[in-house]
Amino acid sequence: MDLVERVSQYNQRMAVHFKIEALMCKFFLSSLRPVAMSWFNGLNANSISLYRQLTQAFGSRFVTNSKAPWPLSALLSLFMHDGETLQDYSDRYWEMYNELDGNFDDVAISTFTNGLPTGHNLRKSLTGKPAISVCQLMDQIDKYKRVEED
């Protein structure tokens, strides 16, 4: 998740308390990861009095940690490697999918399926009865993994 998204999500969660500057600043800490918490704890006492100042200082300090979204072509190039487990392939796939900028659900469904080896049973299943949504695809993958474990 990039910097803008992180601050935006925090703002949405705290919308009811947005007018209470001290509360916004104090609870901002709970949304931070360890490196950012360390930065926050290192701020001089009373150096920030407005939530807007805090988010600007945070942005100035951590702007280099913002990631550009992956292009769709990155998703198109994913496939399951020899010896890779379905779990590992699935984890890699969804991590990249979540970093895409845009709605590519139809492409995600077909590229996940096509990234599986030709003889893979899940590929056969998904080809015979294609998923109609990403949620349905994820459910089918989970179902297959559970059956495979038994």
Protein backbone atom coordinates (compact mmCIF):
# COMPACT_ATOMS: atom_id res chain seq x y z
CA MET A 1 0.00 0.00 0.00
CA ASP A 2 1.48 3.35 -0.91
CA LEU A 3 1.73 6.46 1.25
CA VAL A 4 -1.31 8.25 -0.16
CA GLU A 5 -3.48 5.15 0.26
CA ARG A 6 -2.28 4.63 3.84
CA VAL A 7 -3.13 8.21 4.89
CA SER A 8 -6.41 8.11 2.96
CA GLN A 9 -7.53 4.90 4.64
CA TYR A 10 -6.60 6.30 8.03
CA ASN A 11 -8.61 9.46 7.29
CA GLN A 12 -11.63 7.36 6.34
CA ARG A 13 -11.43 5.28 9.52
CA MET A 14 -11.10 8.41 11.64
CA ALA A 15 -13.64 10.58 9.78
CA VAL A 16 -15.88 10.89 12.85
CA HIS A 17 -12.96 12.32 14.86
CA PHE A 18 -11.46 14.49 12.10
CA LYS A 19 -12.04 17.76 14.00
CA ILE A 20 -10.13 16.55 17.08
CA GLU A 21 -6.53 17.28 16.04
CA ALA A 22 -4.83 15.73 19.09
CA LEU A 23 -6.77 12.48 18.70
CA MET A 24 -6.00 12.29 14.97
CA CYS A 25 -2.28 12.73 15.68
CA LYS A 26 -2.18 10.26 18.57
CA PHE A 27 -4.03 7.48 16.76
CA PHE A 28 -2.03 8.01 13.58
CA LEU A 29 0.73 6.11 15.36
CA SER A 30 -1.39 2.93 15.42
CA SER A 31 -1.50 2.87 11.61
CA LEU A 32 2.29 2.95 11.22
CA ARG A 33 4.83 0.19 10.70
CA PRO A 34 7.95 -0.09 12.92
CA VAL A 35 10.25 2.21 10.90
CA ALA A 36 7.57 4.89 10.67
CA MET A 37 6.76 4.45 14.38
CA SER A 38 10.38 5.06 15.19
CA TRP A 39 10.27 8.27 13.13
CA PHE A 40 7.04 9.31 14.87
CA ASN A 41 8.51 8.65 18.32
CA GLY A 42 11.57 10.69 17.39
CA LEU A 43 9.57 13.85 16.68
CA ASN A 44 10.33 16.69 19.08
CA ALA A 45 7.63 17.29 21.67
CA ASN A 46 5.12 19.92 20.52
CA SER A 47 6.78 20.13 17.10
CA ILE A 48 3.47 19.28 15.40
CA SER A 49 0.18 20.75 16.46
CA LEU A 50 -2.07 19.98 13.49
CA TYR A 51 -2.88 16.67 11.90
CA ARG A 52 -2.24 18.24 8.49
CA GLN A 53 1.31 19.08 9.62
CA LEU A 54 1.82 15.50 10.74
CA THR A 55 0.73 14.01 7.42
CA GLN A 56 2.88 16.50 5.51
CA ALA A 57 5.93 15.65 7.64
CA PHE A 58 5.18 11.95 7.24
CA GLY A 59 4.87 12.36 3.48
CA SER A 60 8.12 14.33 3.25
CA ARG A 61 9.98 11.67 5.20
CA PHE A 62 8.53 8.59 3.53
CA VAL A 63 7.72 9.72 -0.02
CA THR A 64 10.53 7.53 -1.38
CA ASN A 65 8.72 4.47 -0.01
CA SER A 66 5.71 5.02 -2.28
CA LYS A 67 5.55 2.38 -5.00
CA ALA A 68 4.32 2.92 -8.51
CA PRO A 69 1.60 0.44 -9.47
CA TRP A 70 2.58 -2.56 -11.59
CA PRO A 71 1.61 -2.41 -15.27
CA LEU A 72 -0.85 -4.99 -16.57
CA SER A 73 1.95 -6.59 -18.59
CA ALA A 74 3.57 -7.75 -15.33
CA LEU A 75 0.47 -9.81 -14.55
CA LEU A 76 0.39 -11.24 -18.06
CA SER A 77 3.93 -12.59 -17.67
CA LEU A 78 3.26 -14.60 -14.49
CA PHE A 79 3.21 -18.38 -14.62
CA MET A 80 3.71 -21.27 -12.23
CA HIS A 81 7.36 -22.37 -12.19
CA ASP A 82 8.46 -26.01 -12.25
CA GLY A 83 8.45 -27.33 -8.70
CA GLU A 84 6.51 -24.32 -7.38
CA THR A 85 3.55 -25.09 -5.17
CA LEU A 86 0.10 -23.82 -5.99
CA GLN A 87 0.22 -21.86 -2.72
CA ASP A 88 3.43 -20.06 -3.72
CA TYR A 89 2.17 -19.31 -7.24
CA SER A 90 -1.15 -18.09 -5.87
CA ASP A 91 0.58 -15.87 -3.29
CA ARG A 92 2.85 -14.31 -5.94
CA TYR A 93 -0.05 -13.83 -8.32
CA TRP A 94 -2.40 -12.11 -5.85
CA GLU A 95 0.39 -9.93 -4.46
CA MET A 96 1.06 -8.57 -7.94
CA TYR A 97 -2.66 -8.37 -8.78
CA ASN A 98 -3.24 -6.21 -5.69
CA GLU A 99 -0.53 -3.80 -6.86
CA LEU A 100 -2.17 -3.16 -10.24
CA ASP A 101 -3.74 0.20 -10.89
CA GLY A 102 -7.15 -0.46 -12.41
CA ASN A 103 -9.83 -3.11 -12.63
CA PHE A 104 -8.59 -6.11 -14.59
CA ASP A 105 -10.71 -8.90 -13.12
CA ASP A 106 -11.43 -10.62 -16.45
CA VAL A 107 -7.75 -10.55 -17.37
CA ALA A 108 -6.79 -11.77 -13.88
CA ILE A 109 -9.05 -14.80 -14.18
CA SER A 110 -7.72 -15.90 -17.56
CA THR A 111 -4.04 -15.13 -16.83
CA PHE A 112 -4.10 -17.04 -13.54
CA THR A 113 -5.58 -20.06 -15.30
CA ASN A 114 -3.18 -19.81 -18.26
CA GLY A 115 -0.24 -19.48 -15.87
CA LEU A 116 -0.88 -22.97 -14.51
CA PRO A 117 0.89 -25.88 -16.23
CA THR A 118 -1.14 -27.40 -19.07
CA GLY A 119 -1.76 -30.71 -17.30
CA HIS A 120 -2.55 -29.20 -13.88
CA ASN A 121 -5.91 -30.40 -12.55
CA LEU A 122 -6.90 -26.91 -11.36
CA ARG A 123 -6.28 -25.56 -14.86
CA LYS A 124 -8.48 -28.28 -16.32
CA SER A 125 -11.20 -27.46 -13.79
CA LEU A 126 -10.99 -23.69 -14.41
CA THR A 127 -10.99 -24.21 -18.18
CA GLY A 128 -14.05 -26.47 -18.01
CA LYS A 129 -15.96 -24.18 -15.66
CA PRO A 130 -14.38 -20.70 -15.76
CA ALA A 131 -14.76 -18.39 -12.78
CA ILE A 132 -16.92 -15.34 -13.44
CA SER A 133 -15.34 -13.14 -10.76
CA VAL A 134 -12.03 -12.84 -8.94
CA CYS A 135 -13.78 -13.82 -5.69
CA GLN A 136 -15.12 -16.97 -7.31
CA LEU A 137 -11.65 -17.75 -8.68
CA MET A 138 -10.11 -17.36 -5.24
CA ASP A 139 -12.81 -19.64 -3.79
CA GLN A 140 -12.11 -22.28 -6.43
CA ILE A 141 -8.37 -22.10 -5.73
CA ASP A 142 -8.96 -22.45 -1.99
CA LYS A 143 -11.31 -25.39 -2.56
CA TYR A 144 -8.75 -27.08 -4.78
CA LYS A 145 -5.98 -26.55 -2.19
CA ARG A 146 -8.14 -28.08 0.55
CA VAL A 147 -8.91 -31.14 -1.60
CA GLU A 148 -5.24 -31.43 -2.53
CA GLU A 149 -4.25 -31.39 1.17
CA ASP A 150 -6.61 -34.28 2.03
